[in-house]
């Protein structure tokens, strides 16, 4: 089991034990992580599960799809380097100990 820490929009932190195979979005919803709304329930159609991954994580994750890349242009929070949709990232051993920042509106 992995542990992933979310940095919340208010600056707080929430550590969540994570079973492999869940999406980061599902993990966030199960743990009531503020800022992850998931209006489309993981269909990569709304952008309300926007998170920011650090460079080290981006290097080990599967590449962003064209569809996800396009959706990130329509999120409420500004797009940043490392922006991803949490519904498109599956928890596996590569994410153990990861710190993921929930995107917040400016």
N, C-alpha and C. Protein backbone atom coordinates (compact mmCIF):
# COMPACT_ATOMS: atom_id res chain seq x y z
N UNK A 1 0.85 -1.18 0.00
CA UNK A 1 0.00 0.00 0.00
C UNK A 1 0.89 1.24 0.00
N UNK A 2 0.53 2.20 -0.80
CA UNK A 2 1.27 3.46 -0.90
C UNK A 2 0.67 4.48 0.06
N UNK A 3 1.45 5.51 0.36
CA UNK A 3 0.91 6.66 1.08
C UNK A 3 1.19 7.89 0.23
N UNK A 4 0.15 8.67 0.02
CA UNK A 4 0.25 9.88 -0.80
C UNK A 4 -0.25 11.04 0.05
N UNK A 5 0.50 12.13 0.03
CA UNK A 5 0.12 13.32 0.78
C UNK A 5 -0.36 14.39 -0.19
N UNK A 6 -1.53 14.92 0.09
CA UNK A 6 -2.08 16.03 -0.69
C UNK A 6 -1.79 17.33 0.06
N UNK A 7 -1.28 18.32 -0.66
CA UNK A 7 -1.17 19.68 -0.13
C UNK A 7 -2.47 20.38 -0.51
N UNK A 8 -3.19 20.82 0.48
CA UNK A 8 -4.53 21.37 0.30
C UNK A 8 -4.48 22.83 -0.14
N UNK A 9 -5.56 23.33 -0.73
CA UNK A 9 -5.58 24.73 -1.17
C UNK A 9 -5.29 25.74 -0.05
N UNK A 10 -5.62 25.38 1.21
CA UNK A 10 -5.36 26.30 2.33
C UNK A 10 -3.95 26.15 2.89
N UNK A 11 -3.12 25.28 2.27
CA UNK A 11 -1.75 25.08 2.71
C UNK A 11 -1.58 23.91 3.66
N UNK A 12 -2.68 23.35 4.14
CA UNK A 12 -2.60 22.18 5.01
C UNK A 12 -2.19 20.94 4.22
N UNK A 13 -1.99 19.85 4.94
CA UNK A 13 -1.58 18.58 4.33
C UNK A 13 -2.53 17.48 4.77
N UNK A 14 -2.73 16.50 3.91
CA UNK A 14 -3.55 15.34 4.25
C UNK A 14 -2.87 14.10 3.69
N UNK A 15 -2.37 13.23 4.58
CA UNK A 15 -1.73 11.98 4.17
C UNK A 15 -2.81 10.91 4.03
N UNK A 16 -2.77 10.18 2.92
CA UNK A 16 -3.80 9.19 2.62
C UNK A 16 -3.16 7.85 2.25
N UNK A 17 -3.50 6.78 2.98
CA UNK A 17 -3.06 5.46 2.53
C UNK A 17 -3.81 5.10 1.25
N UNK A 18 -3.08 4.54 0.29
CA UNK A 18 -3.67 4.33 -1.04
C UNK A 18 -3.45 2.92 -1.53
N UNK A 19 -4.52 2.28 -1.96
CA UNK A 19 -4.42 0.96 -2.60
C UNK A 19 -4.06 1.14 -4.06
N UNK A 20 -3.19 0.28 -4.55
CA UNK A 20 -2.82 0.34 -5.97
C UNK A 20 -4.04 0.09 -6.84
N UNK A 21 -4.08 0.80 -7.96
CA UNK A 21 -5.18 0.66 -8.91
C UNK A 21 -6.20 1.77 -8.84
N UNK A 22 -6.31 2.43 -7.68
CA UNK A 22 -7.20 3.59 -7.59
C UNK A 22 -6.61 4.73 -8.40
N UNK A 23 -7.45 5.63 -8.86
CA UNK A 23 -6.92 6.87 -9.43
C UNK A 23 -6.66 7.83 -8.26
N UNK A 24 -5.80 8.81 -8.48
CA UNK A 24 -5.58 9.83 -7.45
C UNK A 24 -6.89 10.53 -7.11
N UNK A 25 -7.75 10.73 -8.11
CA UNK A 25 -9.04 11.36 -7.88
C UNK A 25 -9.89 10.52 -6.93
N UNK A 26 -9.95 9.21 -7.17
CA UNK A 26 -10.73 8.32 -6.30
C UNK A 26 -10.19 8.35 -4.88
N UNK A 27 -8.87 8.34 -4.75
CA UNK A 27 -8.24 8.41 -3.44
C UNK A 27 -8.63 9.72 -2.74
N UNK A 28 -8.56 10.82 -3.46
CA UNK A 28 -8.91 12.12 -2.88
C UNK A 28 -10.37 12.15 -2.44
N UNK A 29 -11.27 11.63 -3.25
CA UNK A 29 -12.69 11.62 -2.89
C UNK A 29 -12.94 10.73 -1.68
N UNK A 30 -12.30 9.56 -1.63
CA UNK A 30 -12.47 8.66 -0.48
C UNK A 30 -12.01 9.30 0.82
N UNK A 31 -11.07 10.22 0.71
CA UNK A 31 -10.49 10.86 1.89
C UNK A 31 -10.95 12.31 2.07
N UNK A 32 -12.00 12.70 1.35
CA UNK A 32 -12.58 14.05 1.45
C UNK A 32 -11.53 15.15 1.35
N UNK A 33 -10.68 15.04 0.33
CA UNK A 33 -9.65 16.06 0.10
C UNK A 33 -10.31 17.30 -0.50
N UNK A 34 -10.24 18.44 0.20
CA UNK A 34 -10.84 19.67 -0.33
C UNK A 34 -10.20 20.07 -1.66
N UNK A 35 -11.03 20.57 -2.57
CA UNK A 35 -10.54 21.06 -3.85
C UNK A 35 -10.63 20.05 -4.97
N UNK A 36 -10.87 18.78 -4.66
CA UNK A 36 -11.07 17.76 -5.69
C UNK A 36 -12.57 17.52 -5.78
N UNK A 37 -13.18 18.03 -6.85
CA UNK A 37 -14.64 17.98 -7.00
C UNK A 37 -15.07 16.79 -7.85
N UNK A 38 -14.37 16.55 -8.95
CA UNK A 38 -14.63 15.40 -9.82
C UNK A 38 -16.06 15.38 -10.36
N UNK A 39 -16.49 16.48 -10.94
CA UNK A 39 -17.85 16.58 -11.47
C UNK A 39 -18.17 15.52 -12.51
N UNK A 40 -17.18 15.08 -13.29
CA UNK A 40 -17.44 14.10 -14.36
C UNK A 40 -17.15 12.66 -13.91
N UNK A 41 -16.86 12.48 -12.63
CA UNK A 41 -16.60 11.15 -12.07
C UNK A 41 -15.44 10.42 -12.74
N UNK A 42 -14.45 11.15 -13.17
CA UNK A 42 -13.24 10.51 -13.69
C UNK A 42 -13.19 10.31 -15.18
N UNK A 43 -14.05 10.98 -15.92
CA UNK A 43 -14.07 10.82 -17.38
C UNK A 43 -13.15 11.80 -18.11
N UNK A 44 -12.36 12.56 -17.35
CA UNK A 44 -11.45 13.57 -17.94
C UNK A 44 -12.22 14.56 -18.80
N UNK A 45 -13.39 14.97 -18.32
CA UNK A 45 -14.25 15.86 -19.10
C UNK A 45 -14.57 17.18 -18.40
N UNK A 46 -14.03 17.40 -17.18
CA UNK A 46 -14.43 18.61 -16.46
C UNK A 46 -13.26 19.42 -15.92
N UNK A 47 -12.16 18.80 -15.61
CA UNK A 47 -11.01 19.52 -15.07
C UNK A 47 -11.10 19.86 -13.60
N UNK A 48 -12.09 19.32 -12.88
CA UNK A 48 -12.27 19.67 -11.47
C UNK A 48 -11.51 18.74 -10.52
N UNK A 49 -10.53 18.02 -11.05
CA UNK A 49 -9.65 17.19 -10.22
C UNK A 49 -8.19 17.55 -10.49
N UNK A 50 -7.97 18.80 -10.84
CA UNK A 50 -6.66 19.33 -11.22
C UNK A 50 -5.69 19.29 -10.03
N UNK A 51 -4.53 18.68 -10.26
CA UNK A 51 -3.47 18.65 -9.26
C UNK A 51 -2.16 19.07 -9.91
N UNK A 52 -1.18 19.41 -9.07
CA UNK A 52 0.14 19.77 -9.55
C UNK A 52 1.13 18.74 -9.00
N UNK A 53 1.86 18.11 -9.92
CA UNK A 53 2.87 17.11 -9.56
C UNK A 53 4.25 17.76 -9.66
N UNK A 54 5.17 17.37 -8.77
CA UNK A 54 6.51 17.94 -8.89
C UNK A 54 7.27 17.27 -10.03
N UNK A 55 8.39 17.87 -10.41
CA UNK A 55 9.15 17.39 -11.57
C UNK A 55 9.57 15.94 -11.44
N UNK A 56 9.96 15.52 -10.23
CA UNK A 56 10.41 14.13 -10.03
C UNK A 56 9.27 13.15 -10.33
N UNK A 57 8.05 13.48 -9.94
CA UNK A 57 6.91 12.61 -10.22
C UNK A 57 6.56 12.61 -11.70
N UNK A 58 6.58 13.78 -12.32
CA UNK A 58 6.27 13.86 -13.75
C UNK A 58 7.20 12.95 -14.54
N UNK A 59 8.45 12.87 -14.13
CA UNK A 59 9.44 12.04 -14.84
C UNK A 59 9.10 10.56 -14.80
N UNK A 60 8.45 10.08 -13.73
CA UNK A 60 8.18 8.64 -13.61
C UNK A 60 6.76 8.25 -14.01
N UNK A 61 5.87 9.22 -14.16
CA UNK A 61 4.49 8.91 -14.54
C UNK A 61 4.38 8.64 -16.03
N UNK A 62 3.30 7.96 -16.40
CA UNK A 62 3.00 7.79 -17.82
C UNK A 62 2.80 9.17 -18.44
N UNK A 63 3.15 9.35 -19.70
CA UNK A 63 3.00 10.66 -20.34
C UNK A 63 1.53 11.11 -20.37
N UNK A 64 1.36 12.40 -20.36
CA UNK A 64 0.02 12.99 -20.45
C UNK A 64 -0.56 12.71 -21.84
N UNK A 65 -1.85 12.39 -21.89
CA UNK A 65 -2.50 12.16 -23.18
C UNK A 65 -2.88 13.50 -23.81
N UNK A 66 -3.11 13.48 -25.11
CA UNK A 66 -3.53 14.70 -25.80
C UNK A 66 -4.84 15.23 -25.22
N UNK A 67 -5.78 14.32 -24.91
CA UNK A 67 -7.08 14.74 -24.36
C UNK A 67 -6.89 15.42 -23.00
N UNK A 68 -6.12 14.79 -22.12
CA UNK A 68 -5.88 15.39 -20.80
C UNK A 68 -5.19 16.75 -20.96
N UNK A 69 -4.23 16.81 -21.84
CA UNK A 69 -3.51 18.06 -22.10
C UNK A 69 -4.48 19.17 -22.53
N UNK A 70 -5.40 18.83 -23.43
CA UNK A 70 -6.41 19.80 -23.87
C UNK A 70 -7.32 20.23 -22.73
N UNK A 71 -7.76 19.27 -21.90
CA UNK A 71 -8.67 19.59 -20.79
C UNK A 71 -8.03 20.54 -19.78
N UNK A 72 -6.73 20.43 -19.60
CA UNK A 72 -6.05 21.29 -18.63
C UNK A 72 -6.08 22.76 -19.03
N UNK A 73 -6.38 23.04 -20.29
CA UNK A 73 -6.51 24.43 -20.74
C UNK A 73 -7.82 25.06 -20.27
N UNK A 74 -8.73 24.25 -19.71
CA UNK A 74 -10.05 24.74 -19.33
C UNK A 74 -10.34 24.60 -17.83
N UNK A 75 -9.33 24.38 -17.03
CA UNK A 75 -9.54 24.25 -15.59
C UNK A 75 -9.74 25.62 -14.96
N UNK A 76 -10.40 25.66 -13.80
CA UNK A 76 -10.62 26.92 -13.09
C UNK A 76 -9.33 27.48 -12.51
N UNK A 77 -8.45 26.60 -12.07
CA UNK A 77 -7.17 27.04 -11.53
C UNK A 77 -6.17 27.19 -12.67
N UNK A 78 -5.26 28.14 -12.56
CA UNK A 78 -4.28 28.32 -13.63
C UNK A 78 -3.44 27.07 -13.85
N UNK A 79 -3.17 26.79 -15.09
CA UNK A 79 -2.31 25.66 -15.45
C UNK A 79 -0.87 26.01 -15.06
N UNK A 80 -0.16 25.01 -14.54
CA UNK A 80 1.23 25.18 -14.13
C UNK A 80 2.05 24.04 -14.69
N UNK A 81 3.38 24.19 -14.71
CA UNK A 81 4.20 23.02 -15.02
C UNK A 81 3.86 21.93 -14.00
N UNK A 82 3.66 20.74 -14.44
CA UNK A 82 3.28 19.65 -13.54
C UNK A 82 1.79 19.48 -13.38
N UNK A 83 0.97 20.30 -14.04
CA UNK A 83 -0.48 20.14 -13.96
C UNK A 83 -0.92 18.82 -14.57
N UNK A 84 -1.79 18.12 -13.85
CA UNK A 84 -2.37 16.87 -14.34
C UNK A 84 -3.80 16.78 -13.82
N UNK A 85 -4.59 15.93 -14.45
CA UNK A 85 -5.91 15.59 -13.93
C UNK A 85 -5.73 14.35 -13.07
N UNK A 86 -6.14 14.43 -11.81
CA UNK A 86 -5.91 13.30 -10.90
C UNK A 86 -6.69 12.06 -11.30
N UNK A 87 -7.74 12.21 -12.10
CA UNK A 87 -8.50 11.04 -12.56
C UNK A 87 -7.71 10.22 -13.57
N UNK A 88 -6.64 10.77 -14.12
CA UNK A 88 -5.88 10.08 -15.15
C UNK A 88 -4.59 9.46 -14.62
N UNK A 89 -4.39 9.50 -13.32
CA UNK A 89 -3.18 8.96 -12.71
C UNK A 89 -3.57 7.83 -11.78
N UNK A 90 -3.07 6.64 -12.06
CA UNK A 90 -3.34 5.46 -11.24
C UNK A 90 -2.26 5.32 -10.17
N UNK A 91 -2.70 4.97 -8.97
CA UNK A 91 -1.78 4.73 -7.87
C UNK A 91 -1.04 3.42 -8.12
N UNK A 92 0.27 3.49 -8.02
CA UNK A 92 1.11 2.30 -8.03
C UNK A 92 2.36 2.61 -7.20
N UNK A 93 3.29 1.70 -7.17
CA UNK A 93 4.48 1.86 -6.34
C UNK A 93 5.27 3.11 -6.63
N UNK A 94 5.18 3.63 -7.84
CA UNK A 94 5.92 4.86 -8.18
C UNK A 94 5.45 6.06 -7.37
N UNK A 95 4.22 5.99 -6.85
CA UNK A 95 3.65 7.13 -6.13
C UNK A 95 3.80 7.04 -4.62
N UNK A 96 4.39 5.95 -4.12
CA UNK A 96 4.54 5.82 -2.67
C UNK A 96 5.40 6.97 -2.15
N UNK A 97 4.86 7.69 -1.18
CA UNK A 97 5.56 8.83 -0.60
C UNK A 97 5.38 10.13 -1.38
N UNK A 98 4.59 10.10 -2.44
CA UNK A 98 4.40 11.29 -3.27
C UNK A 98 3.68 12.40 -2.51
N UNK A 99 4.02 13.62 -2.86
CA UNK A 99 3.33 14.80 -2.37
C UNK A 99 2.72 15.48 -3.59
N UNK A 100 1.40 15.63 -3.57
CA UNK A 100 0.65 16.16 -4.70
C UNK A 100 -0.10 17.40 -4.24
N UNK A 101 0.05 18.50 -4.95
CA UNK A 101 -0.62 19.75 -4.58
C UNK A 101 -1.95 19.87 -5.32
N UNK A 102 -3.01 20.11 -4.57
CA UNK A 102 -4.32 20.36 -5.16
C UNK A 102 -4.31 21.77 -5.74
N UNK A 103 -4.66 21.89 -7.01
CA UNK A 103 -4.68 23.21 -7.65
C UNK A 103 -5.75 24.08 -7.01
N UNK A 104 -5.46 25.35 -6.88
CA UNK A 104 -6.46 26.26 -6.30
C UNK A 104 -6.65 27.46 -7.21
N UNK A 105 -7.87 27.96 -7.22
CA UNK A 105 -8.19 29.13 -8.03
C UNK A 105 -7.48 30.34 -7.45
N UNK A 106 -7.04 31.21 -8.33
CA UNK A 106 -6.37 32.44 -7.88
C UNK A 106 -7.39 33.51 -7.57
